[in-house]
Amino acid sequence: MKGRYKLLIITILFTLFSGELFAQWQGFKGSGGWGMNSPFNRMFDPNKIETIYGVVEKIDTTSPHKMMSNGVYLDLKTDKGIIRVILGPVWYIERLDFVIELGDKLEVKGSPVMINGVQSMIAAEIKNGKDLLILRDIHGIPVWSRSGGRNMK
């Protein structure tokens, strides 16, 4: 009889707290928070696309928004100062054959945003010499959210 009560109590507690325990994963939906409808992606404004030019000063990873997996970013030295350029999730960027190194001169098209007090840009396209990397379409939809899409020209 005692065993039944223990099992009943454990089942009730698990039921009560399982929603809280797993709620954080609802936003990921397989994309690590980088998906088309994520809060981070909604920051991208296709009506405010700008083009910047600069030299790569830093390449690193970070989680730009709460509850996201790490993404790749560049610090680009421009004539307006350092702009942090967010490329996309590490799990996507690391598979690409597109090479960016410190000192490269890039042309970046994207949506300017402020992230944690840092002037940033969510990249849609990056041009390095003759190579072009497309990360988002004209509506801001990430290429990693589409199936079978080509991303380089």
N, C-alpha and C. Protein backbone atom coordinates (compact mmCIF):
# COMPACT_ATOMS: atom_id res chain seq x y z
N MET A 1 0.82 -1.20 0.00
CA MET A 1 0.00 0.00 0.00
C MET A 1 0.86 1.26 0.00
N LYS A 2 1.95 1.26 0.84
CA LYS A 2 2.82 2.43 0.88
C LYS A 2 3.48 2.66 -0.47
N GLY A 3 3.84 1.59 -1.14
CA GLY A 3 4.48 1.69 -2.45
C GLY A 3 3.58 2.36 -3.47
N ARG A 4 2.27 2.07 -3.38
CA ARG A 4 1.31 2.67 -4.29
C ARG A 4 1.21 4.17 -4.07
N TYR A 5 1.20 4.60 -2.81
CA TYR A 5 1.12 6.02 -2.50
C TYR A 5 2.37 6.76 -2.97
N LYS A 6 3.52 6.12 -2.78
CA LYS A 6 4.77 6.75 -3.25
C LYS A 6 4.73 6.92 -4.77
N LEU A 7 4.29 5.89 -5.47
CA LEU A 7 4.20 5.97 -6.92
C LEU A 7 3.20 7.03 -7.34
N LEU A 8 2.08 7.12 -6.65
CA LEU A 8 1.07 8.12 -6.95
C LEU A 8 1.62 9.53 -6.72
N ILE A 9 2.32 9.74 -5.63
CA ILE A 9 2.90 11.05 -5.32
C ILE A 9 3.96 11.42 -6.36
N ILE A 10 4.80 10.47 -6.71
CA ILE A 10 5.84 10.73 -7.72
C ILE A 10 5.19 11.09 -9.06
N THR A 11 4.15 10.35 -9.43
CA THR A 11 3.45 10.62 -10.69
C THR A 11 2.82 12.01 -10.69
N ILE A 12 2.19 12.38 -9.58
CA ILE A 12 1.57 13.70 -9.47
C ILE A 12 2.63 14.80 -9.55
N LEU A 13 3.72 14.63 -8.81
CA LEU A 13 4.79 15.64 -8.84
C LEU A 13 5.39 15.77 -10.24
N PHE A 14 5.63 14.65 -10.89
CA PHE A 14 6.19 14.71 -12.23
C PHE A 14 5.24 15.43 -13.18
N THR A 15 3.95 15.12 -13.06
CA THR A 15 2.95 15.77 -13.92
C THR A 15 2.91 17.27 -13.67
N LEU A 16 2.98 17.67 -12.40
CA LEU A 16 2.92 19.09 -12.07
C LEU A 16 4.14 19.86 -12.58
N PHE A 17 5.31 19.25 -12.48
CA PHE A 17 6.54 19.97 -12.80
C PHE A 17 7.10 19.69 -14.19
N SER A 18 6.57 18.72 -14.89
CA SER A 18 7.13 18.40 -16.21
C SER A 18 6.97 19.55 -17.19
N GLY A 19 5.86 20.28 -17.10
CA GLY A 19 5.67 21.44 -17.97
C GLY A 19 6.74 22.49 -17.74
N GLU A 20 7.09 22.72 -16.49
CA GLU A 20 8.14 23.69 -16.16
C GLU A 20 9.51 23.19 -16.60
N LEU A 21 9.75 21.90 -16.41
CA LEU A 21 11.06 21.34 -16.75
C LEU A 21 11.34 21.39 -18.24
N PHE A 22 10.31 21.17 -19.04
CA PHE A 22 10.53 21.07 -20.48
C PHE A 22 10.06 22.30 -21.26
N ALA A 23 9.53 23.31 -20.58
CA ALA A 23 9.03 24.51 -21.26
C ALA A 23 10.12 25.21 -22.05
N GLN A 24 11.34 25.22 -21.54
CA GLN A 24 12.42 25.92 -22.24
C GLN A 24 12.68 25.35 -23.63
N TRP A 25 12.38 24.10 -23.85
CA TRP A 25 12.67 23.48 -25.15
C TRP A 25 11.61 23.76 -26.19
N GLN A 26 10.46 24.31 -25.80
CA GLN A 26 9.40 24.57 -26.76
C GLN A 26 9.84 25.54 -27.84
N GLY A 27 10.64 26.53 -27.50
CA GLY A 27 11.07 27.52 -28.47
C GLY A 27 12.09 27.00 -29.47
N PHE A 28 12.77 25.93 -29.14
CA PHE A 28 13.83 25.44 -30.01
C PHE A 28 13.26 24.78 -31.25
N LYS A 29 12.32 23.88 -31.09
CA LYS A 29 11.68 23.19 -32.19
C LYS A 29 12.68 22.71 -33.23
N GLY A 30 13.81 22.19 -32.79
CA GLY A 30 14.78 21.61 -33.70
C GLY A 30 15.77 22.58 -34.29
N SER A 31 15.61 23.87 -34.08
CA SER A 31 16.50 24.84 -34.72
C SER A 31 17.41 25.53 -33.73
N GLY A 32 17.31 25.19 -32.46
CA GLY A 32 18.15 25.84 -31.45
C GLY A 32 17.81 27.30 -31.25
N GLY A 33 16.58 27.68 -31.59
CA GLY A 33 16.15 29.07 -31.44
C GLY A 33 16.46 29.93 -32.65
N TRP A 34 16.95 29.32 -33.72
CA TRP A 34 17.32 30.05 -34.95
C TRP A 34 16.26 29.92 -36.03
N GLY A 35 15.12 29.33 -35.71
CA GLY A 35 14.10 29.08 -36.72
C GLY A 35 13.39 30.32 -37.21
N MET A 36 12.59 30.12 -38.22
CA MET A 36 11.90 31.20 -38.92
C MET A 36 11.01 32.03 -37.99
N ASN A 37 10.36 31.40 -37.04
CA ASN A 37 9.43 32.12 -36.17
C ASN A 37 9.98 32.40 -34.78
N SER A 38 11.28 32.29 -34.62
CA SER A 38 11.90 32.52 -33.31
C SER A 38 11.91 34.00 -32.98
N PRO A 39 11.95 34.36 -31.69
CA PRO A 39 12.04 35.78 -31.31
C PRO A 39 13.25 36.47 -31.95
N PHE A 40 14.36 35.76 -32.05
CA PHE A 40 15.55 36.36 -32.67
C PHE A 40 15.30 36.68 -34.13
N ASN A 41 14.74 35.73 -34.86
CA ASN A 41 14.51 35.96 -36.29
C ASN A 41 13.51 37.08 -36.53
N ARG A 42 12.57 37.27 -35.61
CA ARG A 42 11.59 38.36 -35.77
C ARG A 42 12.24 39.73 -35.63
N MET A 43 13.47 39.79 -35.12
CA MET A 43 14.19 41.07 -35.05
C MET A 43 14.64 41.53 -36.44
N PHE A 44 14.77 40.60 -37.37
CA PHE A 44 15.20 40.92 -38.73
C PHE A 44 14.09 41.68 -39.44
N ASP A 45 14.39 42.90 -39.91
CA ASP A 45 13.40 43.73 -40.60
C ASP A 45 13.79 43.85 -42.07
N PRO A 46 13.09 43.14 -42.97
CA PRO A 46 13.44 43.19 -44.38
C PRO A 46 13.24 44.56 -45.02
N ASN A 47 12.54 45.45 -44.33
CA ASN A 47 12.32 46.81 -44.84
C ASN A 47 13.46 47.75 -44.48
N LYS A 48 14.40 47.29 -43.69
CA LYS A 48 15.51 48.15 -43.26
C LYS A 48 16.87 47.53 -43.59
N ILE A 49 16.96 46.91 -44.74
CA ILE A 49 18.21 46.28 -45.16
C ILE A 49 19.25 47.36 -45.47
N GLU A 50 20.45 47.17 -44.95
CA GLU A 50 21.57 48.07 -45.22
C GLU A 50 22.75 47.24 -45.72
N THR A 51 23.66 47.92 -46.39
CA THR A 51 24.91 47.30 -46.83
C THR A 51 26.06 47.99 -46.12
N ILE A 52 26.93 47.19 -45.51
CA ILE A 52 28.11 47.75 -44.85
C ILE A 52 29.36 47.09 -45.43
N TYR A 53 30.46 47.79 -45.32
CA TYR A 53 31.75 47.31 -45.80
C TYR A 53 32.73 47.40 -44.65
N GLY A 54 33.58 46.40 -44.52
CA GLY A 54 34.56 46.47 -43.45
C GLY A 54 35.54 45.32 -43.47
N VAL A 55 36.41 45.35 -42.48
CA VAL A 55 37.47 44.35 -42.33
C VAL A 55 37.16 43.50 -41.10
N VAL A 56 37.30 42.19 -41.24
CA VAL A 56 37.02 41.26 -40.15
C VAL A 56 38.10 41.40 -39.07
N GLU A 57 37.65 41.75 -37.86
CA GLU A 57 38.57 41.89 -36.73
C GLU A 57 38.48 40.72 -35.76
N LYS A 58 37.33 40.04 -35.76
CA LYS A 58 37.13 38.95 -34.81
C LYS A 58 36.11 37.98 -35.39
N ILE A 59 36.31 36.70 -35.14
CA ILE A 59 35.34 35.66 -35.49
C ILE A 59 35.15 34.81 -34.24
N ASP A 60 33.90 34.65 -33.83
CA ASP A 60 33.66 33.92 -32.58
C ASP A 60 32.23 33.37 -32.58
N THR A 61 31.85 32.75 -31.48
CA THR A 61 30.49 32.24 -31.32
C THR A 61 29.87 32.87 -30.08
N THR A 62 28.55 32.95 -30.11
CA THR A 62 27.79 33.48 -28.98
C THR A 62 26.35 33.03 -29.10
N SER A 63 25.62 33.17 -28.03
CA SER A 63 24.18 32.97 -28.05
C SER A 63 23.55 34.35 -28.01
N PRO A 64 23.10 34.87 -29.16
CA PRO A 64 22.66 36.26 -29.23
C PRO A 64 21.33 36.57 -28.54
N HIS A 65 20.58 35.56 -28.19
CA HIS A 65 19.27 35.78 -27.60
C HIS A 65 19.02 34.68 -26.58
N LYS A 66 18.20 34.96 -25.63
CA LYS A 66 17.87 34.00 -24.58
C LYS A 66 17.36 32.69 -25.19
N MET A 67 17.83 31.60 -24.67
CA MET A 67 17.37 30.25 -25.03
C MET A 67 17.75 29.83 -26.45
N MET A 68 18.87 30.36 -26.96
CA MET A 68 19.33 29.98 -28.30
C MET A 68 20.62 29.17 -28.20
N SER A 69 20.82 28.32 -29.18
CA SER A 69 22.12 27.65 -29.30
C SER A 69 23.11 28.67 -29.85
N ASN A 70 24.40 28.35 -29.77
CA ASN A 70 25.42 29.29 -30.23
C ASN A 70 25.35 29.54 -31.73
N GLY A 71 25.71 30.77 -32.08
CA GLY A 71 25.80 31.18 -33.47
C GLY A 71 27.16 31.79 -33.74
N VAL A 72 27.48 31.91 -35.02
CA VAL A 72 28.75 32.51 -35.44
C VAL A 72 28.54 34.00 -35.68
N TYR A 73 29.49 34.80 -35.19
CA TYR A 73 29.45 36.23 -35.46
C TYR A 73 30.83 36.73 -35.85
N LEU A 74 30.83 37.88 -36.52
CA LEU A 74 32.07 38.58 -36.90
C LEU A 74 32.00 39.97 -36.30
N ASP A 75 33.13 40.48 -35.86
CA ASP A 75 33.23 41.91 -35.56
C ASP A 75 33.87 42.53 -36.78
N LEU A 76 33.12 43.42 -37.43
CA LEU A 76 33.56 44.04 -38.67
C LEU A 76 33.90 45.50 -38.41
N LYS A 77 35.14 45.88 -38.71
CA LYS A 77 35.56 47.27 -38.53
C LYS A 77 35.13 48.05 -39.77
N THR A 78 34.20 48.99 -39.56
CA THR A 78 33.67 49.80 -40.65
C THR A 78 34.06 51.26 -40.41
N ASP A 79 33.70 52.12 -41.36
CA ASP A 79 33.97 53.54 -41.17
C ASP A 79 33.10 54.15 -40.07
N LYS A 80 32.07 53.40 -39.63
CA LYS A 80 31.19 53.86 -38.54
C LYS A 80 31.54 53.19 -37.21
N GLY A 81 32.61 52.43 -37.17
CA GLY A 81 33.00 51.71 -35.96
C GLY A 81 32.84 50.22 -36.14
N ILE A 82 32.91 49.51 -35.02
CA ILE A 82 32.79 48.04 -35.03
C ILE A 82 31.31 47.66 -35.06
N ILE A 83 30.95 46.81 -36.01
CA ILE A 83 29.60 46.27 -36.11
C ILE A 83 29.70 44.76 -35.93
N ARG A 84 28.90 44.23 -35.03
CA ARG A 84 28.85 42.77 -34.85
C ARG A 84 27.89 42.20 -35.89
N VAL A 85 28.37 41.29 -36.70
CA VAL A 85 27.57 40.68 -37.76
C VAL A 85 27.24 39.25 -37.36
N ILE A 86 25.95 38.97 -37.18
CA ILE A 86 25.49 37.64 -36.80
C ILE A 86 25.21 36.86 -38.08
N LEU A 87 25.93 35.74 -38.26
CA LEU A 87 25.75 34.95 -39.48
C LEU A 87 24.61 33.94 -39.35
N GLY A 88 24.69 33.07 -38.36
CA GLY A 88 23.69 32.03 -38.19
C GLY A 88 24.18 31.00 -37.19
N PRO A 89 23.41 29.93 -37.03
CA PRO A 89 23.76 28.92 -36.03
C PRO A 89 25.05 28.19 -36.38
N VAL A 90 25.82 27.86 -35.36
CA VAL A 90 27.07 27.13 -35.55
C VAL A 90 26.82 25.85 -36.34
N TRP A 91 25.75 25.13 -35.98
CA TRP A 91 25.49 23.84 -36.62
C TRP A 91 25.25 23.98 -38.12
N TYR A 92 24.91 25.15 -38.60
CA TYR A 92 24.74 25.38 -40.03
C TYR A 92 26.01 25.94 -40.66
N ILE A 93 26.56 26.99 -40.06
CA ILE A 93 27.71 27.70 -40.62
C ILE A 93 28.93 26.78 -40.76
N GLU A 94 29.14 25.89 -39.78
CA GLU A 94 30.33 25.05 -39.82
C GLU A 94 30.32 24.04 -40.96
N ARG A 95 29.17 23.80 -41.58
CA ARG A 95 29.08 22.86 -42.71
C ARG A 95 29.41 23.51 -44.05
N LEU A 96 29.47 24.83 -44.09
CA LEU A 96 29.65 25.54 -45.35
C LEU A 96 31.10 25.54 -45.82
N ASP A 97 31.27 25.69 -47.11
CA ASP A 97 32.61 25.80 -47.70
C ASP A 97 33.01 27.26 -47.88
N PHE A 98 32.26 28.17 -47.34
CA PHE A 98 32.54 29.60 -47.45
C PHE A 98 33.58 29.98 -46.41
N VAL A 99 34.68 30.58 -46.85
CA VAL A 99 35.79 30.87 -45.95
C VAL A 99 35.83 32.37 -45.62
N ILE A 100 35.90 32.67 -44.33
CA ILE A 100 36.11 34.04 -43.85
C ILE A 100 37.25 33.97 -42.85
N GLU A 101 38.22 34.87 -43.02
CA GLU A 101 39.37 34.91 -42.12
C GLU A 101 39.58 36.32 -41.60
N LEU A 102 40.32 36.42 -40.50
CA LEU A 102 40.68 37.73 -39.97
C LEU A 102 41.37 38.54 -41.05
N GLY A 103 41.01 39.81 -41.17
CA GLY A 103 41.61 40.69 -42.16
C GLY A 103 40.89 40.72 -43.50
N ASP A 104 39.94 39.80 -43.72
CA ASP A 104 39.18 39.82 -44.97
C ASP A 104 38.33 41.08 -45.06
N LYS A 105 38.22 41.61 -46.28
CA LYS A 105 37.36 42.76 -46.54
C LYS A 105 36.04 42.24 -47.07
N LEU A 106 34.97 42.53 -46.33
CA LEU A 106 33.65 41.98 -46.66
C LEU A 106 32.65 43.07 -47.02
N GLU A 107 31.67 42.66 -47.81
CA GLU A 107 30.46 43.45 -48.04
C GLU A 107 29.33 42.65 -47.41
N VAL A 108 28.58 43.27 -46.50
CA VAL A 108 27.52 42.56 -45.79
C VAL A 108 26.21 43.29 -45.97
N LYS A 109 25.17 42.55 -46.37
CA LYS A 109 23.81 43.09 -46.44
C LYS A 109 23.02 42.43 -45.32
N GLY A 110 22.29 43.25 -44.58
CA GLY A 110 21.51 42.69 -43.50
C GLY A 110 20.66 43.73 -42.81
N SER A 111 20.06 43.30 -41.73
CA SER A 111 19.16 44.15 -40.94
C SER A 111 19.88 44.60 -39.67
N PRO A 112 20.06 45.93 -39.52
CA PRO A 112 20.72 46.43 -38.31
C PRO A 112 19.82 46.25 -37.09
N VAL A 113 20.43 45.80 -35.99
CA VAL A 113 19.71 45.60 -34.73
C VAL A 113 20.65 45.93 -33.58
N MET A 114 20.06 46.13 -32.43
CA MET A 114 20.84 46.31 -31.20
C MET A 114 20.64 45.04 -30.38
N ILE A 115 21.73 44.35 -30.07
CA ILE A 115 21.64 43.12 -29.29
C ILE A 115 22.49 43.29 -28.04
N ASN A 116 21.82 43.24 -26.89
CA ASN A 116 22.51 43.40 -25.60
C ASN A 116 23.39 44.65 -25.57
N GLY A 117 22.89 45.73 -26.15
CA GLY A 117 23.61 47.00 -26.15
C GLY A 117 24.73 47.10 -27.16
N VAL A 118 24.85 46.11 -28.04
CA VAL A 118 25.91 46.10 -29.05
C VAL A 118 25.29 46.34 -30.43
N GLN A 119 25.82 47.35 -31.15
CA GLN A 119 25.35 47.60 -32.51
C GLN A 119 25.69 46.39 -33.37
N SER A 120 24.67 45.78 -33.95
CA SER A 120 24.83 44.52 -34.66
C SER A 120 24.08 44.54 -35.98
N MET A 121 24.29 43.51 -36.76
CA MET A 121 23.56 43.32 -38.00
C MET A 121 23.30 41.84 -38.16
N ILE A 122 22.05 41.48 -38.44
CA ILE A 122 21.72 40.10 -38.77
C ILE A 122 21.94 39.97 -40.28
N ALA A 123 22.93 39.19 -40.65
CA ALA A 123 23.36 39.11 -42.05
C ALA A 123 22.36 38.35 -42.91
N ALA A 124 22.13 38.90 -44.11
CA ALA A 124 21.35 38.21 -45.14
C ALA A 124 22.28 37.69 -46.23
N GLU A 125 23.29 38.50 -46.58
CA GLU A 125 24.28 38.11 -47.58
C GLU A 125 25.65 38.61 -47.17
N ILE A 126 26.67 37.82 -47.47
CA ILE A 126 28.05 38.24 -47.23
C ILE A 126 28.84 37.98 -48.50
N LYS A 127 29.53 39.01 -48.95
CA LYS A 127 30.37 38.89 -50.14
C LYS A 127 31.83 39.02 -49.71
N ASN A 128 32.62 38.02 -50.06
CA ASN A 128 34.05 38.00 -49.76
C ASN A 128 34.77 37.81 -51.09
N GLY A 129 35.27 38.90 -51.66
CA GLY A 129 35.84 38.82 -53.01
C GLY A 129 34.74 38.50 -54.00
N LYS A 130 34.92 37.41 -54.74
CA LYS A 130 33.91 37.00 -55.73
C LYS A 130 32.90 36.01 -55.14
N ASP A 131 33.15 35.55 -53.93
CA ASP A 131 32.27 34.56 -53.30
C ASP A 131 31.11 35.24 -52.59
N LEU A 132 29.92 34.67 -52.76
CA LEU A 132 28.72 35.21 -52.14
C LEU A 132 28.05 34.14 -51.29
N LEU A 133 27.80 34.45 -50.04
CA LEU A 133 27.09 33.56 -49.12
C LEU A 133 25.72 34.16 -48.85
N ILE A 134 24.67 33.43 -49.18
CA ILE A 134 23.31 33.88 -48.93
C ILE A 134 22.81 33.16 -47.68
N LEU A 135 22.45 33.94 -46.67
CA LEU A 135 21.99 33.39 -45.39
C LEU A 135 20.48 33.53 -45.20
N ARG A 136 19.88 34.53 -45.84
CA ARG A 136 18.44 34.78 -45.73
C ARG A 136 17.92 35.27 -47.07
N ASP A 137 16.64 35.02 -47.31
CA ASP A 137 16.05 35.53 -48.54
C ASP A 137 15.58 36.97 -48.33
N ILE A 138 14.93 37.56 -49.33
CA ILE A 138 14.54 38.98 -49.24
C ILE A 138 13.49 39.24 -48.17
N HIS A 139 12.85 38.19 -47.69
CA HIS A 139 11.85 38.32 -46.62
C HIS A 139 12.45 38.07 -45.24
N GLY A 140 13.74 37.73 -45.20
CA GLY A 140 14.41 37.46 -43.93
C GLY A 140 14.33 36.02 -43.48
N ILE A 141 13.81 35.15 -44.33
CA ILE A 141 13.70 33.74 -43.95
C ILE A 141 15.08 33.08 -44.07
N PRO A 142 15.57 32.49 -42.97
CA PRO A 142 16.90 31.86 -43.00
C PRO A 142 16.93 30.67 -43.95
N VAL A 143 18.04 30.52 -44.68
CA VAL A 143 18.16 29.40 -45.62
C VAL A 143 18.16 28.06 -44.89
N TRP A 144 18.59 28.03 -43.64
CA TRP A 144 18.61 26.76 -42.90
C TRP A 144 17.21 26.35 -42.47
N SER A 145 16.22 27.24 -42.64
CA SER A 145 14.83 26.91 -42.31
C SER A 145 14.11 26.32 -43.51
N ARG A 146 14.74 26.38 -44.67
CA ARG A 146 14.13 25.84 -45.89
C ARG A 146 14.81 24.52 -46.21
N SER A 147 14.08 23.64 -46.85
CA SER A 147 14.69 22.36 -47.22
C SER A 147 15.21 22.42 -48.65
N GLY A 148 16.42 21.93 -48.81
CA GLY A 148 16.98 21.79 -50.14
C GLY A 148 17.43 23.07 -50.81
N GLY A 149 17.43 24.21 -50.12
CA GLY A 149 17.82 25.46 -50.75
C GLY A 149 19.32 25.57 -50.94
N ARG A 150 19.75 26.22 -52.01
CA ARG A 150 21.17 26.48 -52.24
C ARG A 150 21.50 27.78 -51.54
N ASN A 151 22.70 27.90 -51.03
CA ASN A 151 23.04 29.08 -50.26
C ASN A 151 24.25 29.84 -50.79
N MET A 152 24.92 29.29 -51.78
CA MET A 152 26.10 30.00 -52.29
C MET A 152 26.00 30.15 -53.79
N LYS A 153 26.50 31.28 -54.28
CA LYS A 153 26.54 31.53 -55.72
C LYS A 153 27.97 31.73 -56.13
